[in-house]
Amino acid sequence: MDTTSTTLLERVRDAAEAEEVAQECMESLARHLRSFQYSRSRGRFRSFLRRMANNQIANRQRRKRLLQARSGELEGLAAPESTEQAWDRVWLREHLAYCLKNLASRCSDHTIQAFRLYALEDWPVEKVCRKLDLSANQVYLAKTRMIRRLRKEITQFVGDVL
């Protein structure tokens, strides 16, 4: 592909945002170039750069949607929670913690750490990648795998509650 996709350009309209995406790409490139080994069979370097830019834009869009969703959640916090709802929430949280502890012995440390930092502690994917020396895709896969395993574990433990 010798041209830039118009959808890629449309997804980053704001000049400040485009500059931030470019900066994030440069930071990521600087981190990955230390261990980067070129292989023509894996494709062109410019394709790698384009994929990196697409991923950075997708990450930025995901963060925006998450922030928007959270702001909507805050509006719903005005309604007081019933005692029964509070009890159910605590009950589920405790069972999930128990199941996560059980899974920790059967999963790799990187998978558990990536899931905890990204999904539970709400770290940005880039920060998790730097801390654990993982790619963004590895972090997303860790989250997906752990959620799938947690659902299966909690279902076996207490039935279908999720």
Protein backbone atom coordinates (compact mmCIF):
# COMPACT_ATOMS: atom_id res chain seq x y z
CA MET A 1 0.00 0.00 0.00
CA ASP A 2 1.61 3.25 -1.15
CA THR A 3 -1.08 5.64 0.03
CA THR A 4 -2.37 6.68 3.42
CA SER A 5 -5.84 5.50 4.25
CA THR A 6 -8.36 8.33 4.47
CA THR A 7 -10.01 6.64 7.43
CA LEU A 8 -6.71 6.76 9.28
CA LEU A 9 -6.51 10.49 8.66
CA GLU A 10 -10.15 11.04 9.59
CA ARG A 11 -9.68 9.30 12.93
CA VAL A 12 -7.10 11.92 13.94
CA ARG A 13 -8.54 15.27 12.93
CA ASP A 14 -7.27 17.46 15.72
CA ALA A 15 -3.71 18.68 15.05
CA ALA A 16 -2.76 18.42 18.75
CA GLU A 17 -4.09 14.87 18.85
CA ALA A 18 -2.23 13.96 15.66
CA GLU A 19 0.95 15.35 17.20
CA GLU A 20 0.39 13.24 20.33
CA VAL A 21 -0.15 10.11 18.22
CA ALA A 22 3.06 10.85 16.32
CA GLN A 23 4.93 11.32 19.61
CA GLU A 24 3.52 8.06 21.02
CA CYS A 25 4.59 6.26 17.84
CA MET A 26 8.10 7.68 18.12
CA GLU A 27 8.34 6.62 21.78
CA SER A 28 7.12 3.13 20.95
CA LEU A 29 9.47 2.90 17.99
CA ALA A 30 12.43 3.98 20.14
CA ARG A 31 11.58 1.24 22.67
CA HIS A 32 11.15 -1.48 20.04
CA LEU A 33 14.09 -0.63 17.79
CA ARG A 34 16.58 -1.97 20.36
CA SER A 35 15.33 -5.50 19.77
CA PHE A 36 13.96 -5.00 16.25
CA GLN A 37 15.33 -7.34 13.59
CA TYR A 38 14.32 -6.62 10.03
CA SER A 39 13.07 -9.53 7.97
CA ARG A 40 11.78 -8.84 4.49
CA SER A 41 9.53 -11.92 4.75
CA ARG A 42 7.54 -10.21 7.54
CA GLY A 43 6.70 -7.24 5.33
CA ARG A 44 7.87 -3.71 4.71
CA PHE A 45 9.03 -1.40 7.46
CA ARG A 46 6.53 1.25 6.36
CA SER A 47 3.74 -1.31 6.83
CA PHE A 48 5.02 -1.85 10.37
CA LEU A 49 4.95 1.93 10.95
CA ARG A 50 1.44 2.21 9.53
CA ARG A 51 0.20 -0.63 11.74
CA MET A 52 1.83 1.07 14.74
CA ALA A 53 0.08 4.37 13.93
CA ASN A 54 -3.25 2.56 13.49
CA ASN A 55 -2.80 0.86 16.86
CA GLN A 56 -1.94 4.13 18.59
CA ILE A 57 -5.04 5.79 17.11
CA ALA A 58 -7.21 2.82 18.12
CA ASN A 59 -5.79 2.97 21.67
CA ARG A 60 -6.56 6.68 21.84
CA GLN A 61 -10.13 6.11 20.62
CA ARG A 62 -10.57 3.31 23.18
CA ARG A 63 -9.40 5.61 25.98
CA LYS A 64 -11.82 8.32 24.82
CA ARG A 65 -14.76 5.91 24.81
CA LEU A 66 -13.75 4.64 28.25
CA LEU A 67 -13.61 8.17 29.64
CA GLN A 68 -16.98 8.96 28.12
CA ALA A 69 -18.46 5.79 29.58
CA ARG A 70 -17.02 6.61 32.99
CA SER A 71 -18.45 10.10 32.93
CA GLY A 72 -21.85 8.53 32.20
CA GLU A 73 -21.36 6.14 35.12
CA LEU A 74 -20.73 9.07 37.43
CA GLU A 75 -24.13 10.52 36.56
CA GLY A 76 -25.75 7.27 37.66
CA LEU A 77 -24.04 7.35 41.06
CA ALA A 78 -26.54 9.88 42.40
CA ALA A 79 -29.14 7.16 43.02
CA PRO A 80 -28.45 5.44 46.35
CA GLU A 81 -27.76 1.73 46.26
CA SER A 82 -30.04 -0.60 48.17
CA THR A 83 -28.60 -2.81 50.90
CA GLU A 84 -29.32 -5.87 48.79
CA GLN A 85 -27.49 -4.42 45.78
CA ALA A 86 -24.51 -3.49 47.96
CA TRP A 87 -24.46 -6.99 49.45
CA ASP A 88 -24.59 -8.60 45.98
CA ARG A 89 -21.77 -6.37 44.75
CA VAL A 90 -19.53 -7.24 47.72
CA TRP A 91 -20.44 -10.94 47.42
CA LEU A 92 -19.52 -10.99 43.73
CA ARG A 93 -16.30 -9.02 44.30
CA GLU A 94 -15.18 -11.49 47.00
CA HIS A 95 -15.93 -14.49 44.80
CA LEU A 96 -14.12 -12.93 41.86
CA ALA A 97 -11.08 -12.26 44.08
CA TYR A 98 -11.13 -15.88 45.24
CA CYS A 99 -11.36 -17.17 41.66
CA LEU A 100 -8.59 -14.83 40.52
CA LYS A 101 -6.37 -16.15 43.31
CA ASN A 102 -7.09 -19.73 42.17
CA LEU A 103 -6.26 -18.83 38.57
CA ALA A 104 -2.98 -17.14 39.56
CA SER A 105 -1.39 -20.51 40.24
CA ARG A 106 -2.33 -21.78 36.77
CA CYS A 107 -1.43 -18.73 34.66
CA SER A 108 1.87 -17.10 33.77
CA ASP A 109 3.05 -14.22 35.93
CA HIS A 110 3.02 -11.86 32.92
CA THR A 111 -0.60 -12.72 32.16
CA ILE A 112 -1.70 -12.15 35.76
CA GLN A 113 0.33 -8.93 36.13
CA ALA A 114 -0.87 -7.53 32.80
CA PHE A 115 -4.50 -8.29 33.72
CA ARG A 116 -4.20 -6.77 37.19
CA LEU A 117 -2.51 -3.58 35.99
CA TYR A 118 -4.61 -3.04 32.85
CA ALA A 119 -8.05 -4.36 33.81
CA LEU A 120 -8.17 -4.04 37.58
CA GLU A 121 -5.90 -1.10 38.35
CA ASP A 122 -6.84 0.72 35.11
CA TRP A 123 -3.32 1.51 33.95
CA PRO A 124 -2.96 2.76 30.36
CA VAL A 125 -1.83 -0.02 28.02
CA GLU A 126 1.39 1.85 27.19
CA LYS A 127 2.37 1.99 30.86
CA VAL A 128 1.69 -1.73 31.30
CA CYS A 129 3.76 -2.46 28.18
CA ARG A 130 6.72 -0.48 29.53
CA LYS A 131 6.53 -2.02 32.99
CA LEU A 132 6.23 -5.63 31.84
CA ASP A 133 8.10 -5.34 28.51
CA LEU A 134 5.08 -6.61 26.57
CA SER A 135 3.39 -5.46 23.39
CA ALA A 136 -0.06 -3.88 23.52
CA ASN A 137 -1.45 -6.94 21.77
CA GLN A 138 -0.03 -9.18 24.52
CA VAL A 139 -1.71 -7.02 27.17
CA TYR A 140 -5.07 -7.15 25.35
CA LEU A 141 -4.76 -10.92 24.94
CA ALA A 142 -3.93 -11.32 28.64
CA LYS A 143 -7.06 -9.38 29.56
CA THR A 144 -9.25 -11.39 27.19
CA ARG A 145 -7.85 -14.72 28.36
CA MET A 146 -8.18 -13.84 32.04
CA ILE A 147 -11.79 -12.63 31.64
CA ARG A 148 -12.67 -15.85 29.82
CA ARG A 149 -10.96 -17.94 32.53
CA LEU A 150 -12.56 -15.92 35.33
CA ARG A 151 -16.04 -16.39 33.83
CA LYS A 152 -15.48 -20.12 33.61
CA GLU A 153 -14.06 -20.28 37.14
CA ILE A 154 -16.83 -18.24 38.77
CA THR A 155 -19.49 -20.22 36.88
CA GLN A 156 -18.04 -23.48 38.17
CA PHE A 157 -17.79 -22.03 41.67
CA VAL A 158 -21.15 -20.28 42.14
CA GLY A 159 -23.19 -20.85 39.00
CA ASP A 160 -24.10 -18.51 36.16
CA VAL A 161 -24.13 -15.06 37.79
CA LEU A 162 -22.32 -13.00 35.15
